Amino acid sequence: KNITGSYNYQNVKQSGVDDMVLLSKITEDAIVENLKKRYMDDYIFTYIGPVLISVNPFKQMPYFTDREIELYQGAAQYENPPHIYALTDNMYRNMMIDGENQCVIIRTPYK
């Protein structure tokens, strides 16, 4: 399964890593560089462990279609590339099946 049919894990070096816990060095510079690489290649979602970071692309993206809903629904969180649907589906299942409370924090820069 993949989102666009062209998502290729061989492009990790050019597009950064999906989960920043996999960075060889976890420093502020490495995190910023990884997010920048992914942003430049239109990968707006990145994990850092169980946390999902989303960078506003300031343009229309093909990440919010019925196809993505089907791809992520019922899949393990790390089975597909990072996406808000993976996070929310995982949270929903934890809430319904395990009875675990869930929390979402959405932070946007303010002016």
PDB file of N, CA and C in Angstrom:
ATOM      1  N   LYS A   1       0.844  -1.188   0.000  1.00  0.00           N
ATOM      2  CA  LYS A   1       0.000   0.000   0.000  1.00  0.00           C
ATOM      3  C   LYS A   1       0.883   1.242   0.000  1.00  0.00           C
ATOM      4  N   ASN A   2       0.514   2.218  -0.787  1.00  0.00           N
ATOM      5  CA  ASN A   2       1.166   3.509  -0.694  1.00  0.00           C
ATOM      6  C   ASN A   2       0.217   4.606  -1.139  1.00  0.00           C
ATOM      7  N   ILE A   3       0.536   5.827  -0.781  1.00  0.00           N
ATOM      8  CA  ILE A   3      -0.385   6.934  -1.011  1.00  0.00           C
ATOM      9  C   ILE A   3      -0.467   7.304  -2.482  1.00  0.00           C
ATOM     10  N   THR A   4       0.654   7.513  -3.107  1.00  0.00           N
ATOM     11  CA  THR A   4       0.625   8.048  -4.461  1.00  0.00           C
ATOM     12  C   THR A   4       0.978   7.019  -5.510  1.00  0.00           C
ATOM     13  N   GLY A   5       1.400   5.856  -5.118  1.00  0.00           N
ATOM     14  CA  GLY A   5       1.858   4.874  -6.080  1.00  0.00           C
ATOM     15  C   GLY A   5       3.317   5.106  -6.424  1.00  0.00           C
ATOM     16  N   SER A   6       3.846   6.269  -6.061  1.00  0.00           N
ATOM     17  CA  SER A   6       5.240   6.551  -6.375  1.00  0.00           C
ATOM     18  C   SER A   6       6.071   6.757  -5.118  1.00  0.00           C
ATOM     19  N   TYR A   7       5.454   6.629  -3.954  1.00  0.00           N
ATOM     20  CA  TYR A   7       6.201   6.764  -2.714  1.00  0.00           C
ATOM     21  C   TYR A   7       7.249   5.672  -2.673  1.00  0.00           C
ATOM     22  N   ASN A   8       8.473   6.032  -2.461  1.00  0.00           N
ATOM     23  CA  ASN A   8       9.555   5.075  -2.580  1.00  0.00           C
ATOM     24  C   ASN A   8      10.499   5.226  -1.401  1.00  0.00           C
ATOM     25  N   TYR A   9      10.641   4.181  -0.613  1.00  0.00           N
ATOM     26  CA  TYR A   9      11.519   4.248   0.541  1.00  0.00           C
ATOM     27  C   TYR A   9      12.983   4.356   0.140  1.00  0.00           C
ATOM     28  N   GLN A  10      13.326   4.125  -1.116  1.00  0.00           N
ATOM     29  CA  GLN A  10      14.697   4.301  -1.570  1.00  0.00           C
ATOM     30  C   GLN A  10      15.060   5.780  -1.630  1.00  0.00           C
ATOM     31  N   ASN A  11      14.071   6.656  -1.616  1.00  0.00           N
ATOM     32  CA  ASN A  11      14.330   8.090  -1.661  1.00  0.00           C
ATOM     33  C   ASN A  11      14.477   8.697  -0.269  1.00  0.00           C
ATOM     34  N   VAL A  12      14.718   7.870   0.730  1.00  0.00           N
ATOM     35  CA  VAL A  12      14.792   8.361   2.104  1.00  0.00           C
ATOM     36  C   VAL A  12      15.871   9.420   2.252  1.00  0.00           C
ATOM     37  N   LYS A  13      17.041   9.220   1.663  1.00  0.00           N
ATOM     38  CA  LYS A  13      18.117  10.198   1.795  1.00  0.00           C
ATOM     39  C   LYS A  13      17.697  11.564   1.257  1.00  0.00           C
ATOM     40  N   GLN A  14      17.050  11.583   0.098  1.00  0.00           N
ATOM     41  CA  GLN A  14      16.638  12.847  -0.482  1.00  0.00           C
ATOM     42  C   GLN A  14      15.457  13.444   0.276  1.00  0.00           C
ATOM     43  N   SER A  15      14.555  12.608   0.749  1.00  0.00           N
ATOM     44  CA  SER A  15      13.328  13.096   1.373  1.00  0.00           C
ATOM     45  C   SER A  15      13.364  13.042   2.889  1.00  0.00           C
ATOM     46  N   GLY A  16      14.488  12.754   3.481  1.00  0.00           N
ATOM     47  CA  GLY A  16      14.572  12.644   4.923  1.00  0.00           C
ATOM     48  C   GLY A  16      13.992  11.329   5.405  1.00  0.00           C
ATOM     49  N   VAL A  17      13.755  11.230   6.704  1.00  0.00           N
ATOM     50  CA  VAL A  17      13.216   9.999   7.286  1.00  0.00           C
ATOM     51  C   VAL A  17      11.789  10.237   7.769  1.00  0.00           C
ATOM     52  N   ASP A  18      10.969   9.180   7.691  1.00  0.00           N
ATOM     53  CA  ASP A  18       9.569   9.247   8.128  1.00  0.00           C
ATOM     54  C   ASP A  18       9.440   9.479   9.627  1.00  0.00           C
ATOM     55  N   ASP A  19      10.354   8.879  10.387  1.00  0.00           N
ATOM     56  CA  ASP A  19      10.306   8.968  11.850  1.00  0.00           C
ATOM     57  C   ASP A  19      11.662   9.466  12.333  1.00  0.00           C
ATOM     58  N   MET A  20      11.668  10.629  12.931  1.00  0.00           N
ATOM     59  CA  MET A  20      12.934  11.261  13.295  1.00  0.00           C
ATOM     60  C   MET A  20      13.670  10.580  14.439  1.00  0.00           C
ATOM     61  N   VAL A  21      13.057   9.601  15.101  1.00  0.00           N
ATOM     62  CA  VAL A  21      13.830   8.827  16.071  1.00  0.00           C
ATOM     63  C   VAL A  21      14.874   7.986  15.342  1.00  0.00           C
ATOM     64  N   LEU A  22      14.746   7.845  14.023  1.00  0.00           N
ATOM     65  CA  LEU A  22      15.696   7.079  13.221  1.00  0.00           C
ATOM     66  C   LEU A  22      16.861   7.921  12.707  1.00  0.00           C
ATOM     67  N   LEU A  23      16.873   9.209  13.005  1.00  0.00           N
ATOM     68  CA  LEU A  23      17.999  10.049  12.601  1.00  0.00           C
ATOM     69  C   LEU A  23      19.265   9.567  13.300  1.00  0.00           C
ATOM     70  N   SER A  24      20.396   9.623  12.598  1.00  0.00           N
ATOM     71  CA  SER A  24      21.646   9.158  13.210  1.00  0.00           C
ATOM     72  C   SER A  24      22.040  10.050  14.386  1.00  0.00           C
ATOM     73  N   LYS A  25      21.740  11.343  14.292  1.00  0.00           N
ATOM     74  CA  LYS A  25      21.955  12.273  15.403  1.00  0.00           C
ATOM     75  C   LYS A  25      20.666  13.058  15.586  1.00  0.00           C
ATOM     76  N   ILE A  26      20.162  13.065  16.795  1.00  0.00           N
ATOM     77  CA  ILE A  26      18.936  13.821  17.059  1.00  0.00           C
ATOM     78  C   ILE A  26      19.338  15.152  17.685  1.00  0.00           C
ATOM     79  N   THR A  27      19.517  16.125  16.814  1.00  0.00           N
ATOM     80  CA  THR A  27      19.859  17.483  17.227  1.00  0.00           C
ATOM     81  C   THR A  27      18.849  18.427  16.594  1.00  0.00           C
ATOM     82  N   GLU A  28      18.816  19.647  17.076  1.00  0.00           N
ATOM     83  CA  GLU A  28      17.900  20.624  16.485  1.00  0.00           C
ATOM     84  C   GLU A  28      18.187  20.794  14.995  1.00  0.00           C
ATOM     85  N   ASP A  29      19.472  20.890  14.631  1.00  0.00           N
ATOM     86  CA  ASP A  29      19.835  21.052  13.220  1.00  0.00           C
ATOM     87  C   ASP A  29      19.381  19.865  12.381  1.00  0.00           C
ATOM     88  N   ALA A  30      19.558  18.645  12.895  1.00  0.00           N
ATOM     89  CA  ALA A  30      19.159  17.440  12.155  1.00  0.00           C
ATOM     90  C   ALA A  30      17.641  17.389  11.975  1.00  0.00           C
ATOM     91  N   ILE A  31      16.906  17.766  13.011  1.00  0.00           N
ATOM     92  CA  ILE A  31      15.442  17.765  12.934  1.00  0.00           C
ATOM     93  C   ILE A  31      14.964  18.798  11.915  1.00  0.00           C
ATOM     94  N   VAL A  32      15.515  20.007  11.981  1.00  0.00           N
ATOM     95  CA  VAL A  32      15.124  21.063  11.041  1.00  0.00           C
ATOM     96  C   VAL A  32      15.477  20.659   9.614  1.00  0.00           C
ATOM     97  N   GLU A  33      16.667  20.093   9.408  1.00  0.00           N
ATOM     98  CA  GLU A  33      17.084  19.664   8.068  1.00  0.00           C
ATOM     99  C   GLU A  33      16.170  18.567   7.532  1.00  0.00           C
ATOM    100  N   ASN A  34      15.805  17.611   8.381  1.00  0.00           N
ATOM    101  CA  ASN A  34      14.915  16.533   7.955  1.00  0.00           C
ATOM    102  C   ASN A  34      13.544  17.085   7.559  1.00  0.00           C
ATOM    103  N   LEU A  35      12.987  17.952   8.390  1.00  0.00           N
ATOM    104  CA  LEU A  35      11.683  18.546   8.070  1.00  0.00           C
ATOM    105  C   LEU A  35      11.755  19.370   6.782  1.00  0.00           C
ATOM    106  N   LYS A  36      12.857  20.063   6.594  1.00  0.00           N
ATOM    107  CA  LYS A  36      13.035  20.872   5.381  1.00  0.00           C
ATOM    108  C   LYS A  36      13.091  19.985   4.136  1.00  0.00           C
ATOM    109  N   LYS A  37      13.859  18.896   4.199  1.00  0.00           N
ATOM    110  CA  LYS A  37      13.945  17.964   3.062  1.00  0.00           C
ATOM    111  C   LYS A  37      12.569  17.410   2.717  1.00  0.00           C
ATOM    112  N   ARG A  38      11.846  16.990   3.736  1.00  0.00           N
ATOM    113  CA  ARG A  38      10.529  16.396   3.509  1.00  0.00           C
ATOM    114  C   ARG A  38       9.559  17.445   2.948  1.00  0.00           C
ATOM    115  N   TYR A  39       9.606  18.638   3.484  1.00  0.00           N
ATOM    116  CA  TYR A  39       8.741  19.719   3.006  1.00  0.00           C
ATOM    117  C   TYR A  39       9.015  20.021   1.533  1.00  0.00           C
ATOM    118  N   MET A  40      10.279  20.072   1.159  1.00  0.00           N
ATOM    119  CA  MET A  40      10.650  20.373  -0.227  1.00  0.00           C
ATOM    120  C   MET A  40      10.160  19.291  -1.191  1.00  0.00           C
ATOM    121  N   ASP A  41      10.003  18.064  -0.698  1.00  0.00           N
ATOM    122  CA  ASP A  41       9.508  16.950  -1.517  1.00  0.00           C
ATOM    123  C   ASP A  41       8.018  16.680  -1.290  1.00  0.00           C
ATOM    124  N   ASP A  42       7.321  17.645  -0.670  1.00  0.00           N
ATOM    125  CA  ASP A  42       5.872  17.566  -0.425  1.00  0.00           C
ATOM    126  C   ASP A  42       5.466  16.468   0.547  1.00  0.00           C
ATOM    127  N   TYR A  43       6.362  16.070   1.432  1.00  0.00           N
ATOM    128  CA  TYR A  43       5.993  15.162   2.520  1.00  0.00           C
ATOM    129  C   TYR A  43       5.740  16.038   3.740  1.00  0.00           C
ATOM    130  N   ILE A  44       4.473  16.310   4.026  1.00  0.00           N
ATOM    131  CA  ILE A  44       4.149  17.281   5.072  1.00  0.00           C
ATOM    132  C   ILE A  44       3.990  16.642   6.444  1.00  0.00           C
ATOM    133  N   PHE A  45       3.923  15.315   6.518  1.00  0.00           N
ATOM    134  CA  PHE A  45       3.763  14.619   7.795  1.00  0.00           C
ATOM    135  C   PHE A  45       5.047  13.877   8.144  1.00  0.00           C
ATOM    136  N   THR A  46       5.473  13.993   9.406  1.00  0.00           N
ATOM    137  CA  THR A  46       6.667  13.307   9.888  1.00  0.00           C
ATOM    138  C   THR A  46       6.424  12.898  11.331  1.00  0.00           C
ATOM    139  N   TYR A  47       6.814  11.687  11.666  1.00  0.00           N
ATOM    140  CA  TYR A  47       6.727  11.233  13.055  1.00  0.00           C
ATOM    141  C   TYR A  47       8.002  11.590  13.798  1.00  0.00           C
ATOM    142  N   ILE A  48       7.856  11.742  15.101  1.00  0.00           N
ATOM    143  CA  ILE A  48       8.981  11.694  16.021  1.00  0.00           C
ATOM    144  C   ILE A  48       8.472  10.830  17.165  1.00  0.00           C
ATOM    145  N   GLY A  49       8.695   9.520  17.002  1.00  0.00           N
ATOM    146  CA  GLY A  49       8.085   8.544  17.901  1.00  0.00           C
ATOM    147  C   GLY A  49       6.584   8.537  17.677  1.00  0.00           C
ATOM    148  N   PRO A  50       5.794   8.598  18.754  1.00  0.00           N
ATOM    149  CA  PRO A  50       4.336   8.564  18.606  1.00  0.00           C
ATOM    150  C   PRO A  50       3.723   9.927  18.252  1.00  0.00           C
ATOM    151  N   VAL A  51       4.558  10.957  18.156  1.00  0.00           N
ATOM    152  CA  VAL A  51       4.084  12.311  17.865  1.00  0.00           C
ATOM    153  C   VAL A  51       4.125  12.543  16.357  1.00  0.00           C
ATOM    154  N   LEU A  52       3.079  13.158  15.829  1.00  0.00           N
ATOM    155  CA  LEU A  52       3.025  13.495  14.411  1.00  0.00           C
ATOM    156  C   LEU A  52       3.228  14.994  14.242  1.00  0.00           C
ATOM    157  N   ILE A  53       4.171  15.353  13.389  1.00  0.00           N
ATOM    158  CA  ILE A  53       4.405  16.750  13.046  1.00  0.00           C
ATOM    159  C   ILE A  53       3.851  16.968  11.647  1.00  0.00           C
ATOM    160  N   SER A  54       3.089  18.019  11.482  1.00  0.00           N
ATOM    161  CA  SER A  54       2.554  18.372  10.168  1.00  0.00           C
ATOM    162  C   SER A  54       2.996  19.790   9.847  1.00  0.00           C
ATOM    163  N   VAL A  55       3.588  19.962   8.671  1.00  0.00           N
ATOM    164  CA  VAL A  55       4.052  21.277   8.241  1.00  0.00           C
ATOM    165  C   VAL A  55       3.087  21.786   7.179  1.00  0.00           C
ATOM    166  N   ASN A  56       2.571  22.985   7.375  1.00  0.00           N
ATOM    167  CA  ASN A  56       1.608  23.558   6.437  1.00  0.00           C
ATOM    168  C   ASN A  56       2.275  23.773   5.079  1.00  0.00           C
ATOM    169  N   PRO A  57       1.757  23.126   4.021  1.00  0.00           N
ATOM    170  CA  PRO A  57       2.380  23.273   2.699  1.00  0.00           C
ATOM    171  C   PRO A  57       1.976  24.559   1.975  1.00  0.00           C
ATOM    172  N   PHE A  58       0.981  25.261   2.500  1.00  0.00           N
ATOM    173  CA  PHE A  58       0.470  26.486   1.880  1.00  0.00           C
ATOM    174  C   PHE A  58       0.058  26.259   0.429  1.00  0.00           C
ATOM    175  N   LYS A  59      -0.402  25.051   0.139  1.00  0.00           N
ATOM    176  CA  LYS A  59      -0.943  24.732  -1.180  1.00  0.00           C
ATOM    177  C   LYS A  59      -1.812  23.496  -1.048  1.00  0.00           C
ATOM    178  N   GLN A  60      -2.622  23.255  -2.046  1.00  0.00           N
ATOM    179  CA  GLN A  60      -3.499  22.083  -2.061  1.00  0.00           C
ATOM    180  C   GLN A  60      -2.650  20.818  -2.200  1.00  0.00           C
ATOM    181  N   MET A  61      -2.948  19.800  -1.391  1.00  0.00           N
ATOM    182  CA  MET A  61      -2.202  18.539  -1.433  1.00  0.00           C
ATOM    183  C   MET A  61      -3.178  17.382  -1.640  1.00  0.00           C
ATOM    184  N   PRO A  62      -2.713  16.289  -2.253  1.00  0.00           N
ATOM    185  CA  PRO A  62      -3.597  15.147  -2.530  1.00  0.00           C
ATOM    186  C   PRO A  62      -3.684  14.159  -1.371  1.00  0.00           C
ATOM    187  N   TYR A  63      -3.476  14.620  -0.152  1.00  0.00           N
ATOM    188  CA  TYR A  63      -3.403  13.719   0.996  1.00  0.00           C
ATOM    189  C   TYR A  63      -4.732  13.495   1.709  1.00  0.00           C
ATOM    190  N   PHE A  64      -5.808  14.112   1.268  1.00  0.00           N
ATOM    191  CA  PHE A  64      -7.058  14.050   2.020  1.00  0.00           C
ATOM    192  C   PHE A  64      -8.213  13.578   1.147  1.00  0.00           C
ATOM    193  N   THR A  65      -8.074  12.387   0.599  1.00  0.00           N
ATOM    194  CA  THR A  65      -9.095  11.825  -0.283  1.00  0.00           C
ATOM    195  C   THR A  65      -9.663  10.547   0.331  1.00  0.00           C
ATOM    196  N   ASP A  66     -10.723  10.041  -0.268  1.00  0.00           N
ATOM    197  CA  ASP A  66     -11.299   8.770   0.185  1.00  0.00           C
ATOM    198  C   ASP A  66     -10.275   7.643   0.089  1.00  0.00           C
ATOM    199  N   ARG A  67      -9.392   7.715  -0.892  1.00  0.00           N
ATOM    200  CA  ARG A  67      -8.358   6.683  -1.055  1.00  0.00           C
ATOM    201  C   ARG A  67      -7.451   6.620   0.184  1.00  0.00           C
ATOM    202  N   GLU A  68      -7.061   7.786   0.693  1.00  0.00           N
ATOM    203  CA  GLU A  68      -6.221   7.811   1.889  1.00  0.00           C
ATOM    204  C   GLU A  68      -6.975   7.278   3.102  1.00  0.00           C
ATOM    205  N   ILE A  69      -8.255   7.601   3.208  1.00  0.00           N
ATOM    206  CA  ILE A  69      -9.055   7.075   4.319  1.00  0.00           C
ATOM    207  C   ILE A  69      -9.029   5.556   4.292  1.00  0.00           C
ATOM    208  N   GLU A  70      -9.260   4.969   3.133  1.00  0.00           N
ATOM    209  CA  GLU A  70      -9.248   3.505   3.001  1.00  0.00           C
ATOM    210  C   GLU A  70      -7.873   2.925   3.294  1.00  0.00           C
ATOM    211  N   LEU A  71      -6.824   3.603   2.851  1.00  0.00           N
ATOM    212  CA  LEU A  71      -5.456   3.127   3.051  1.00  0.00           C
ATOM    213  C   LEU A  71      -5.102   3.047   4.531  1.00  0.00           C
ATOM    214  N   TYR A  72      -5.506   4.042   5.293  1.00  0.00           N
ATOM    215  CA  TYR A  72      -5.097   4.128   6.694  1.00  0.00           C
ATOM    216  C   TYR A  72      -6.083   3.481   7.663  1.00  0.00           C
ATOM    217  N   GLN A  73      -7.334   3.310   7.263  1.00  0.00           N
ATOM    218  CA  GLN A  73      -8.334   2.759   8.169  1.00  0.00           C
ATOM    219  C   GLN A  73      -7.991   1.319   8.526  1.00  0.00           C
ATOM    220  N   GLY A  74      -7.799   1.073   9.808  1.00  0.00           N
ATOM    221  CA  GLY A  74      -7.508  -0.269  10.299  1.00  0.00           C
ATOM    222  C   GLY A  74      -6.063  -0.701  10.151  1.00  0.00           C
ATOM    223  N   ALA A  75      -5.220   0.110   9.527  1.00  0.00           N
ATOM    224  CA  ALA A  75      -3.805  -0.235   9.357  1.00  0.00           C
ATOM    225  C   ALA A  75      -3.028   0.152  10.613  1.00  0.00           C
ATOM    226  N   ALA A  76      -1.939  -0.552  10.870  1.00  0.00           N
ATOM    227  CA  ALA A  76      -1.059  -0.181  11.974  1.00  0.00           C
ATOM    228  C   ALA A  76      -0.480   1.206  11.688  1.00  0.00           C
ATOM    229  N   GLN A  77      -0.208   1.965  12.734  1.00  0.00           N
ATOM    230  CA  GLN A  77       0.223   3.353  12.566  1.00  0.00           C
ATOM    231  C   GLN A  77       1.452   3.483  11.671  1.00  0.00           C
ATOM    232  N   TYR A  78       2.393   2.557  11.773  1.00  0.00           N
ATOM    233  CA  TYR A  78       3.635   2.679  11.011  1.00  0.00           C
ATOM    234  C   TYR A  78       3.635   1.832   9.739  1.00  0.00           C
ATOM    235  N   GLU A  79       2.484   1.289   9.364  1.00  0.00           N
ATOM    236  CA  GLU A  79       2.384   0.452   8.165  1.00  0.00           C
ATOM    237  C   GLU A  79       2.503   1.273   6.878  1.00  0.00           C
ATOM    238  N   ASN A  80       2.107   2.525   6.931  1.00  0.00           N
ATOM    239  CA  ASN A  80       2.129   3.426   5.782  1.00  0.00           C
ATOM    240  C   ASN A  80       2.915   4.679   6.153  1.00  0.00           C
ATOM    241  N   PRO A  81       3.212   5.531   5.191  1.00  0.00           N
ATOM    242  CA  PRO A  81       3.900   6.784   5.506  1.00  0.00           C
ATOM    243  C   PRO A  81       3.103   7.608   6.523  1.00  0.00           C
ATOM    244  N   PRO A  82       3.783   8.487   7.270  1.00  0.00           N
ATOM    245  CA  PRO A  82       3.103   9.298   8.279  1.00  0.00           C
ATOM    246  C   PRO A  82       1.921  10.074   7.698  1.00  0.00           C
ATOM    247  N   HIS A  83       0.837  10.129   8.475  1.00  0.00           N
ATOM    248  CA  HIS A  83      -0.371  10.837   8.021  1.00  0.00           C
ATOM    249  C   HIS A  83      -1.269  11.061   9.231  1.00  0.00           C
ATOM    250  N   ILE A  84      -2.022  12.125   9.222  1.00  0.00           N
ATOM    251  CA  ILE A  84      -2.968  12.404  10.298  1.00  0.00           C
ATOM    252  C   ILE A  84      -4.010  11.301  10.408  1.00  0.00           C
ATOM    253  N   TYR A  85      -4.360  10.664   9.289  1.00  0.00           N
ATOM    254  CA  TYR A  85      -5.333   9.574   9.330  1.00  0.00           C
ATOM    255  C   TYR A  85      -4.791   8.375  10.100  1.00  0.00           C
ATOM    256  N   ALA A  86      -3.492   8.102   9.999  1.00  0.00           N
ATOM    257  CA  ALA A  86      -2.897   6.991  10.746  1.00  0.00           C
ATOM    258  C   ALA A  86      -2.994   7.268  12.242  1.00  0.00           C
ATOM    259  N   LEU A  87      -2.656   8.478  12.619  1.00  0.00           N
ATOM    260  CA  LEU A  87      -2.696   8.857  14.029  1.00  0.00           C
ATOM    261  C   LEU A  87      -4.118   8.794  14.581  1.00  0.00           C
ATOM    262  N   THR A  88      -5.072   9.364  13.865  1.00  0.00           N
ATOM    263  CA  THR A  88      -6.443   9.393  14.379  1.00  0.00           C
ATOM    264  C   THR A  88      -7.085   8.012  14.388  1.00  0.00           C
ATOM    265  N   ASP A  89      -6.774   7.180  13.398  1.00  0.00           N
ATOM    266  CA  ASP A  89      -7.315   5.821  13.388  1.00  0.00           C
ATOM    267  C   ASP A  89      -6.762   5.029  14.568  1.00  0.00           C
ATOM    268  N   ASN A  90      -5.475   5.191  14.842  1.00  0.00           N
ATOM    269  CA  ASN A  90      -4.849   4.514  15.974  1.00  0.00           C
ATOM    270  C   ASN A  90      -5.455   4.996  17.296  1.00  0.00           C
ATOM    271  N   MET A  91      -5.667   6.283  17.414  1.00  0.00           N
ATOM    272  CA  MET A  91      -6.269   6.828  18.630  1.00  0.00           C
ATOM    273  C   MET A  91      -7.693   6.313  18.815  1.00  0.00           C
ATOM    274  N   TYR A  92      -8.458   6.284  17.740  1.00  0.00           N
ATOM    275  CA  TYR A  92      -9.840   5.812  17.809  1.00  0.00           C
ATOM    276  C   TYR A  92      -9.885   4.358  18.274  1.00  0.00           C
ATOM    277  N   ARG A  93      -9.013   3.518  17.692  1.00  0.00           N
ATOM    278  CA  ARG A  93      -8.995   2.103  18.089  1.00  0.00           C
ATOM    279  C   ARG A  93      -8.579   1.942  19.549  1.00  0.00           C
ATOM    280  N   ASN A  94      -7.580   2.705  19.998  1.00  0.00           N
ATOM    281  CA  ASN A  94      -7.163   2.627  21.401  1.00  0.00           C
ATOM    282  C   ASN A  94      -8.288   3.055  22.336  1.00  0.00           C
ATOM    283  N   MET A  95      -9.055   4.033  21.924  1.00  0.00           N
ATOM    284  CA  MET A  95     -10.171   4.507  22.738  1.00  0.00           C
ATOM    285  C   MET A  95     -11.291   3.470  22.783  1.00  0.00           C
ATOM    286  N   MET A  96     -11.650   2.919  21.627  1.00  0.00           N
ATOM    287  CA  MET A  96     -12.782   2.003  21.552  1.00  0.00           C
ATOM    288  C   MET A  96     -12.457   0.598  22.061  1.00  0.00           C
ATOM    289  N   ILE A  97     -11.303   0.082  21.706  1.00  0.00           N
ATOM    290  CA  ILE A  97     -10.960  -1.299  22.058  1.00  0.00           C
ATOM    291  C   ILE A  97     -10.366  -1.394  23.457  1.00  0.00           C
ATOM    292  N   ASP A  98      -9.407  -0.514  23.757  1.00  0.00           N
ATOM    293  CA  ASP A  98      -8.705  -0.593  25.034  1.00  0.00           C
ATOM    294  C   ASP A  98      -9.283   0.331  26.098  1.00  0.00           C
ATOM    295  N   GLY A  99     -10.211   1.197  25.712  1.00  0.00           N
ATOM    296  CA  GLY A  99     -10.791   2.131  26.671  1.00  0.00           C
ATOM    297  C   GLY A  99      -9.807   3.185  27.147  1.00  0.00           C
ATOM    298  N   GLU A 100      -8.748   3.432  26.367  1.00  0.00           N
ATOM    299  CA  GLU A 100      -7.735   4.410  26.756  1.00  0.00           C
ATOM    300  C   GLU A 100      -8.186   5.823  26.393  1.00  0.00           C
ATOM    301  N   ASN A 101      -8.003   6.751  27.340  1.00  0.00           N
ATOM    302  CA  ASN A 101      -8.267   8.152  27.044  1.00  0.00           C
ATOM    303  C   ASN A 101      -7.261   8.634  26.008  1.00  0.00           C
ATOM    304  N   GLN A 102      -7.679   9.568  25.168  1.00  0.00           N
ATOM    305  CA  GLN A 102      -6.819  10.094  24.116  1.00  0.00           C
ATOM    306  C   GLN A 102      -6.740  11.611  24.232  1.00  0.00           C
ATOM    307  N   CYS A 103      -5.646  12.167  23.732  1.00  0.00           N
ATOM    308  CA  CYS A 103      -5.452  13.612  23.763  1.00  0.00           C
ATOM    309  C   CYS A 103      -4.779  14.049  22.466  1.00  0.00           C
ATOM    310  N   VAL A 104      -5.277  15.110  21.877  1.00  0.00           N
ATOM    311  CA  VAL A 104      -4.674  15.679  20.674  1.00  0.00           C
ATOM    312  C   VAL A 104      -4.338  17.130  20.977  1.00  0.00           C
ATOM    313  N   ILE A 105      -3.113  17.511  20.676  1.00  0.00           N
ATOM    314  CA  ILE A 105      -2.696  18.900  20.831  1.00  0.00           C
ATOM    315  C   ILE A 105      -2.390  19.432  19.442  1.00  0.00           C
ATOM    316  N   ILE A 106      -3.067  20.491  19.074  1.00  0.00           N
ATOM    317  CA  ILE A 106      -2.823  21.125  17.785  1.00  0.00           C
ATOM    318  C   ILE A 106      -2.248  22.499  18.077  1.00  0.00           C
ATOM    319  N   ARG A 107      -1.072  22.732  17.570  1.00  0.00           N
ATOM    320  CA  ARG A 107      -0.390  24.000  17.830  1.00  0.00           C
ATOM    321  C   ARG A 107      -0.102  24.678  16.507  1.00  0.00           C
ATOM    322  N   THR A 108      -0.490  25.913  16.395  1.00  0.00           N
ATOM    323  CA  THR A 108      -0.164  26.688  15.206  1.00  0.00           C
ATOM    324  C   THR A 108       0.566  27.944  15.650  1.00  0.00           C
ATOM    325  N   PRO A 109       1.475  28.411  14.830  1.00  0.00           N
ATOM    326  CA  PRO A 109       2.136  29.672  15.201  1.00  0.00           C
ATOM    327  C   PRO A 109       1.122  30.809  15.175  1.00  0.00           C
ATOM    328  N   TYR A 110       1.275  31.709  16.045  1.00  0.00           N
ATOM    329  CA  TYR A 110       0.369  32.851  16.070  1.00  0.00           C
ATOM    330  C   TYR A 110       1.178  34.116  15.843  1.00  0.00           C
ATOM    331  N   LYS A 111       0.485  35.128  15.372  1.00  0.00           N
ATOM    332  CA  LYS A 111       1.177  36.396  15.073  1.00  0.00           C
ATOM    333  C   LYS A 111       0.789  37.448  16.054  1.00  0.00           C
TER     334      LYS A 111
END
